[in-house]
Amino acid sequence: MLKYSVALRRQGVGENKRVEAPGQKAKLKTESVDLFYGSYHALRDITMDIPACAITAIIGPSGCGKSSLLRLFNRANDLIPGARVEGQIYLDGEPIYGNATDVVLLRRRVGMVFQKPNLFPMSIYDNLAMGPRRHGIRRRAQLDEIAERSLRQVALWDELKDQLKKPGQELPVGQQQRLCIARALAIQPEVILMDESCSALDPASTMKVEELMEELAQQYTIMIVTHNMEQAVRVSDMAAFMMIDEDKVGRLVEYAPTVEMFSRPADKRTEDYITGRFG
């Protein structure tokens, strides 16, 4: 625990974090959520409140359902045959599971960035314009404004403003991942989901993405999945620790402000994991 306590003190974690006092209105809320893939029970009884304009890190050993949980928030699991959800998830108090939900609108409000850059085989500009075009924006001047705004948000405008016709897949991987974040921002979401989005990056690129996360969290609600405990300490306000129970089902073991979890974990299993005793 010592190395995390020292890191937390050095960074001033807990002094200037974005999470407000208990009772802060949740941007996202899960109530007794279970996820099934056919007969396979993937997640059980997940209940948590995700605060607005903060970074929430989901941590835990491989196979405990971290990515499956993240994908629930924009209904990405709907694309998997046999996927079924019990319980409910709320976005600004409105349920997102049910026949009345406009899933296209939901995915505009809740964007996602994946583990590896997944740019489309087209230009940088067209990668940024694709989402807005799908949502009805056609005027070139408006698309130009969106492209510039999105690239500025991820600190890529000065680097790429003269290369917008270049294929996005020709960029270095660090720039590709930031471009993927810019593409998500182009449709002006309220929530950004990031699934191991730094795992394929070198340390310098990882630092840039982490700095970007912290800047974006002033305006957006961000949820990340990470295996990197130091990263969770560095960037997150809240931390959710998951593991598999005796029935091989993913469970939420502990959910707390990051400073509390990494300095005073409430559950022995959490302490064992973050100190490297297993996982």
Protein backbone atom coordinates (compact mmCIF):
# COMPACT_ATOMS: atom_id res chain seq x y z
CA MET A 1 0.00 0.00 0.00
CA LEU A 2 2.94 2.33 0.68
CA LYS A 3 3.80 3.09 -2.93
CA TYR A 4 0.21 4.10 -3.69
CA SER A 5 -0.07 6.22 -0.54
CA VAL A 6 3.15 8.05 -1.47
CA ALA A 7 1.98 8.51 -5.07
CA LEU A 8 -1.34 9.86 -3.87
CA ARG A 9 0.34 12.37 -1.57
CA ARG A 10 2.78 13.48 -4.26
CA GLN A 11 -0.02 14.15 -6.71
CA GLY A 12 -2.26 15.81 -4.17
CA VAL A 13 -5.00 13.28 -4.85
CA GLY A 14 -7.96 14.09 -2.67
CA GLU A 15 -7.13 17.81 -2.54
CA ASN A 16 -8.34 19.03 -5.94
CA LYS A 17 -10.35 16.12 -7.29
CA ARG A 18 -13.50 16.64 -9.30
CA VAL A 19 -15.83 14.46 -7.23
CA GLU A 20 -18.01 16.49 -4.93
CA ALA A 21 -19.40 15.51 -1.55
CA PRO A 22 -21.53 12.35 -1.19
CA GLY A 23 -24.94 12.88 -2.67
CA GLN A 24 -23.62 14.44 -5.87
CA LYS A 25 -26.04 13.71 -8.69
CA ALA A 26 -25.03 10.64 -10.65
CA LYS A 27 -24.59 10.93 -14.40
CA LEU A 28 -24.94 7.15 -14.74
CA LYS A 29 -26.50 4.75 -12.30
CA THR A 30 -26.77 0.96 -12.30
CA GLU A 31 -29.33 -0.93 -10.24
CA SER A 32 -28.92 -4.68 -9.66
CA VAL A 33 -27.58 -5.28 -13.16
CA ASP A 34 -26.93 -8.83 -14.37
CA LEU A 35 -25.50 -9.60 -17.81
CA PHE A 36 -25.87 -12.91 -19.65
CA TYR A 37 -24.34 -14.14 -22.89
CA GLY A 38 -26.76 -16.93 -23.70
CA SER A 39 -26.54 -19.31 -20.75
CA TYR A 40 -23.29 -17.76 -19.50
CA HIS A 41 -23.72 -15.45 -16.52
CA ALA A 42 -21.09 -12.72 -17.03
CA LEU A 43 -21.99 -10.08 -14.42
CA ARG A 44 -24.06 -10.26 -11.25
CA ASP A 45 -25.80 -7.59 -9.17
CA ILE A 46 -23.83 -4.52 -10.26
CA THR A 47 -25.04 -1.42 -8.42
CA MET A 48 -23.10 1.84 -8.56
CA ASP A 49 -23.49 5.59 -9.15
CA ILE A 50 -21.09 7.24 -11.61
CA PRO A 51 -20.55 10.95 -10.85
CA ALA A 52 -20.67 13.56 -13.58
CA CYS A 53 -17.51 15.30 -14.84
CA ALA A 54 -15.17 12.85 -13.13
CA ILE A 55 -13.00 9.88 -14.12
CA THR A 56 -14.06 6.46 -12.89
CA ALA A 57 -11.57 3.61 -13.26
CA ILE A 58 -12.69 -0.02 -13.42
CA ILE A 59 -9.93 -2.35 -12.23
CA GLY A 60 -9.62 -6.07 -11.59
CA PRO A 61 -8.00 -9.25 -12.88
CA SER A 62 -8.43 -10.45 -16.46
CA GLY A 63 -11.76 -12.10 -17.17
CA CYS A 64 -13.73 -10.47 -14.36
CA GLY A 65 -16.06 -8.58 -16.71
CA LYS A 66 -14.57 -5.07 -16.73
CA SER A 67 -15.03 -4.53 -20.47
CA SER A 68 -18.45 -6.17 -20.42
CA LEU A 69 -19.51 -3.71 -17.73
CA LEU A 70 -18.16 -0.73 -19.66
CA ARG A 71 -19.98 -1.81 -22.82
CA LEU A 72 -23.30 -1.87 -20.96
CA PHE A 73 -23.34 1.93 -20.74
CA ASN A 74 -23.81 2.46 -24.49
CA ARG A 75 -25.48 -0.90 -25.12
CA ALA A 76 -22.57 -2.19 -27.17
CA ASN A 77 -23.31 -5.67 -25.83
CA ASP A 78 -26.57 -5.56 -27.80
CA LEU A 79 -24.45 -6.41 -30.84
CA ILE A 80 -23.47 -9.79 -29.32
CA PRO A 81 -25.94 -12.60 -30.12
CA GLY A 82 -27.64 -13.93 -27.01
CA ALA A 83 -26.69 -10.97 -24.79
CA ARG A 84 -29.35 -10.18 -22.19
CA VAL A 85 -29.48 -7.62 -19.38
CA GLU A 86 -31.49 -7.76 -16.17
CA GLY A 87 -31.79 -4.76 -13.87
CA GLN A 88 -31.51 -1.22 -15.16
CA ILE A 89 -28.98 1.49 -16.02
CA TYR A 90 -29.94 5.17 -15.94
CA LEU A 91 -28.44 8.11 -17.80
CA ASP A 92 -29.46 11.38 -16.16
CA GLY A 93 -32.22 9.47 -14.41
CA GLU A 94 -33.67 7.98 -17.61
CA PRO A 95 -33.51 4.19 -18.19
CA ILE A 96 -31.38 3.12 -21.15
CA TYR A 97 -32.61 -0.48 -21.35
CA GLY A 98 -36.05 -0.97 -22.79
CA ASN A 99 -37.89 -0.73 -26.09
CA ALA A 100 -38.46 3.01 -25.72
CA THR A 101 -34.74 3.82 -25.78
CA ASP A 102 -33.36 5.40 -28.95
CA VAL A 103 -30.10 3.44 -29.10
CA VAL A 104 -28.67 5.66 -31.86
CA LEU A 105 -29.19 8.73 -29.68
CA LEU A 106 -27.78 6.88 -26.66
CA ARG A 107 -24.57 6.09 -28.53
CA ARG A 108 -24.30 9.72 -29.54
CA ARG A 109 -24.49 10.71 -25.87
CA VAL A 110 -22.19 7.91 -24.71
CA GLY A 111 -19.12 7.53 -26.93
CA MET A 112 -16.51 4.77 -26.77
CA VAL A 113 -12.77 4.49 -27.45
CA PHE A 114 -11.34 1.00 -27.74
CA GLN A 115 -8.12 -0.71 -26.69
CA LYS A 116 -6.45 -0.36 -30.08
CA PRO A 117 -6.99 2.52 -32.50
CA ASN A 118 -9.84 1.55 -34.80
CA LEU A 119 -9.74 4.26 -37.42
CA PHE A 120 -11.72 3.80 -40.61
CA PRO A 121 -9.73 3.39 -43.86
CA MET A 122 -10.28 6.98 -44.90
CA SER A 123 -8.77 10.40 -44.39
CA ILE A 124 -8.27 12.10 -41.03
CA TYR A 125 -11.00 14.57 -41.97
CA ASP A 126 -13.50 11.90 -43.01
CA ASN A 127 -12.89 9.94 -39.80
CA LEU A 128 -13.90 13.06 -37.89
CA ALA A 129 -16.83 13.93 -40.15
CA MET A 130 -18.39 10.47 -40.32
CA GLY A 131 -20.28 10.68 -37.03
CA PRO A 132 -21.69 14.18 -37.58
CA ARG A 133 -22.73 13.21 -41.12
CA ARG A 134 -24.62 10.21 -39.76
CA HIS A 135 -26.47 12.58 -37.46
CA GLY A 136 -27.55 14.82 -40.30
CA ILE A 137 -24.82 17.44 -40.55
CA ARG A 138 -23.93 18.03 -44.20
CA ARG A 139 -22.69 21.63 -44.54
CA ARG A 140 -18.97 21.67 -45.25
CA ALA A 141 -18.37 24.78 -43.15
CA GLN A 142 -20.00 23.14 -40.13
CA LEU A 143 -18.04 19.92 -40.64
CA ASP A 144 -14.83 21.96 -40.91
CA GLU A 145 -15.63 23.62 -37.57
CA ILE A 146 -16.29 20.24 -35.95
CA ALA A 147 -13.04 18.77 -37.26
CA GLU A 148 -11.01 21.70 -35.98
CA ARG A 149 -12.75 21.80 -32.61
CA SER A 150 -12.32 18.06 -32.07
CA LEU A 151 -8.64 18.09 -33.02
CA ARG A 152 -8.00 21.08 -30.79
CA GLN A 153 -9.62 19.25 -27.87
CA VAL A 154 -7.07 16.45 -28.18
CA ALA A 155 -4.16 18.80 -28.94
CA LEU A 156 -3.74 17.53 -32.50
CA TRP A 157 -4.83 20.53 -34.55
CA ASP A 158 -1.41 22.10 -34.89
CA GLU A 159 0.12 18.72 -35.74
CA LEU A 160 -2.47 17.63 -38.31
CA LYS A 161 -4.18 20.74 -39.72
CA ASP A 162 -2.16 20.50 -42.95
CA GLN A 163 -2.59 16.72 -43.27
CA LEU A 164 -6.37 16.32 -43.07
CA LYS A 165 -6.51 14.47 -46.40
CA LYS A 166 -3.92 11.95 -45.22
CA PRO A 167 -5.21 8.46 -44.30
CA GLY A 168 -5.67 8.31 -40.55
CA GLN A 169 -4.19 4.81 -40.40
CA GLU A 170 -0.82 6.19 -41.54
CA LEU A 171 -0.38 8.18 -38.32
CA PRO A 172 1.81 6.94 -35.45
CA VAL A 173 -0.21 4.81 -33.03
CA GLY A 174 -0.22 7.49 -30.32
CA GLN A 175 -1.70 10.04 -32.70
CA GLN A 176 -4.16 7.43 -33.97
CA GLN A 177 -5.52 6.87 -30.48
CA ARG A 178 -5.90 10.60 -29.85
CA LEU A 179 -7.63 10.86 -33.23
CA CYS A 180 -10.04 8.13 -32.11
CA ILE A 181 -10.81 10.24 -29.05
CA ALA A 182 -11.31 13.28 -31.29
CA ARG A 183 -13.70 11.23 -33.45
CA ALA A 184 -15.71 10.37 -30.34
CA LEU A 185 -15.76 14.05 -29.34
CA ALA A 186 -16.93 15.12 -32.80
CA ILE A 187 -20.50 14.07 -32.01
CA GLN A 188 -20.37 15.96 -28.69
CA PRO A 189 -21.08 13.10 -26.28
CA GLU A 190 -21.71 13.55 -22.57
CA VAL A 191 -19.92 10.37 -21.51
CA ILE A 192 -16.71 8.83 -22.89
CA LEU A 193 -15.96 5.14 -22.30
CA MET A 194 -12.31 4.12 -22.70
CA ASP A 195 -11.47 0.40 -22.76
CA GLU A 196 -7.74 -0.08 -22.06
CA SER A 197 -7.13 2.85 -24.38
CA CYS A 198 -3.47 3.26 -23.36
CA SER A 199 -2.41 -0.38 -23.33
CA ALA A 200 -0.95 -0.28 -26.86
CA LEU A 201 0.83 3.06 -26.37
CA ASP A 202 4.39 3.95 -25.44
CA PRO A 203 4.95 5.88 -22.18
CA ALA A 204 5.10 9.29 -23.86
CA SER A 205 1.82 8.72 -25.72
CA THR A 206 0.23 7.30 -22.57
CA MET A 207 1.14 10.46 -20.69
CA LYS A 208 -0.46 12.61 -23.39
CA VAL A 209 -3.69 10.59 -23.29
CA GLU A 210 -3.78 10.71 -19.48
CA GLU A 211 -3.31 14.49 -19.54
CA LEU A 212 -6.09 14.64 -22.12
CA MET A 213 -8.41 12.56 -19.90
CA GLU A 214 -7.90 14.93 -16.99
CA GLU A 215 -8.60 17.96 -19.16
CA LEU A 216 -11.70 16.40 -20.74
CA ALA A 217 -13.09 15.42 -17.32
CA GLN A 218 -13.75 19.09 -16.66
CA GLN A 219 -16.56 18.79 -19.22
CA TYR A 220 -17.24 15.08 -19.78
CA THR A 221 -17.97 12.05 -17.63
CA ILE A 222 -15.22 9.50 -18.30
CA MET A 223 -15.07 5.80 -17.48
CA ILE A 224 -11.92 3.79 -18.12
CA VAL A 225 -10.95 0.13 -17.88
CA THR A 226 -7.31 -0.30 -16.93
CA HIS A 227 -4.95 -3.01 -15.70
CA ASN A 228 -2.44 -0.32 -14.77
CA MET A 229 -2.83 0.46 -11.06
CA GLU A 230 -0.51 3.46 -11.28
CA GLN A 231 -2.67 4.86 -14.07
CA ALA A 232 -5.82 4.42 -11.99
CA VAL A 233 -4.11 6.32 -9.15
CA ARG A 234 -2.86 9.06 -11.46
CA VAL A 235 -6.04 9.92 -13.30
CA SER A 236 -9.19 8.60 -11.62
CA ASP A 237 -11.50 10.16 -9.07
CA MET A 238 -13.48 6.98 -8.37
CA ALA A 239 -12.35 3.35 -8.58
CA ALA A 240 -14.40 0.18 -8.97
CA PHE A 241 -12.71 -3.13 -8.17
CA MET A 242 -14.17 -6.27 -9.75
CA MET A 243 -13.36 -9.95 -9.51
CA ILE A 244 -14.92 -13.34 -10.25
CA ASP A 245 -16.96 -14.95 -7.47
CA GLU A 246 -17.11 -18.62 -6.55
CA ASP A 247 -19.60 -19.21 -9.39
CA LYS A 248 -17.19 -17.67 -11.95
CA VAL A 249 -19.40 -14.59 -12.34
CA GLY A 250 -18.05 -11.04 -12.40
CA ARG A 251 -18.93 -9.04 -9.28
CA LEU A 252 -18.31 -5.53 -8.00
CA VAL A 253 -16.28 -5.97 -4.82
CA GLU A 254 -15.62 -2.37 -3.86
CA TYR A 255 -16.43 1.06 -5.25
CA ALA A 256 -15.00 4.17 -3.62
CA PRO A 257 -13.07 7.38 -4.22
CA THR A 258 -9.66 6.39 -5.57
CA VAL A 259 -7.78 8.02 -2.69
CA GLU A 260 -9.72 5.88 -0.22
CA MET A 261 -9.48 2.62 -2.12
CA PHE A 262 -5.74 2.82 -2.65
CA SER A 263 -4.87 4.04 0.82
CA ARG A 264 -7.59 2.41 2.97
CA PRO A 265 -9.34 -0.39 1.02
CA ALA A 266 -12.46 -1.62 2.77
CA ASP A 267 -12.23 -5.19 1.48
CA LYS A 268 -9.28 -7.54 1.99
CA ARG A 269 -9.63 -8.77 -1.58
CA THR A 270 -9.14 -5.24 -2.86
CA GLU A 271 -6.00 -4.84 -0.79
CA ASP A 272 -4.65 -8.17 -2.02
CA TYR A 273 -5.19 -7.15 -5.63
CA ILE A 274 -3.75 -3.64 -5.57
CA THR A 275 -0.70 -4.85 -3.62
CA GLY A 276 -0.04 -7.56 -6.20
CA ARG A 277 -0.87 -10.64 -4.13
CA PHE A 278 -3.00 -11.92 -7.01
CA GLY A 279 -4.19 -10.86 -10.46
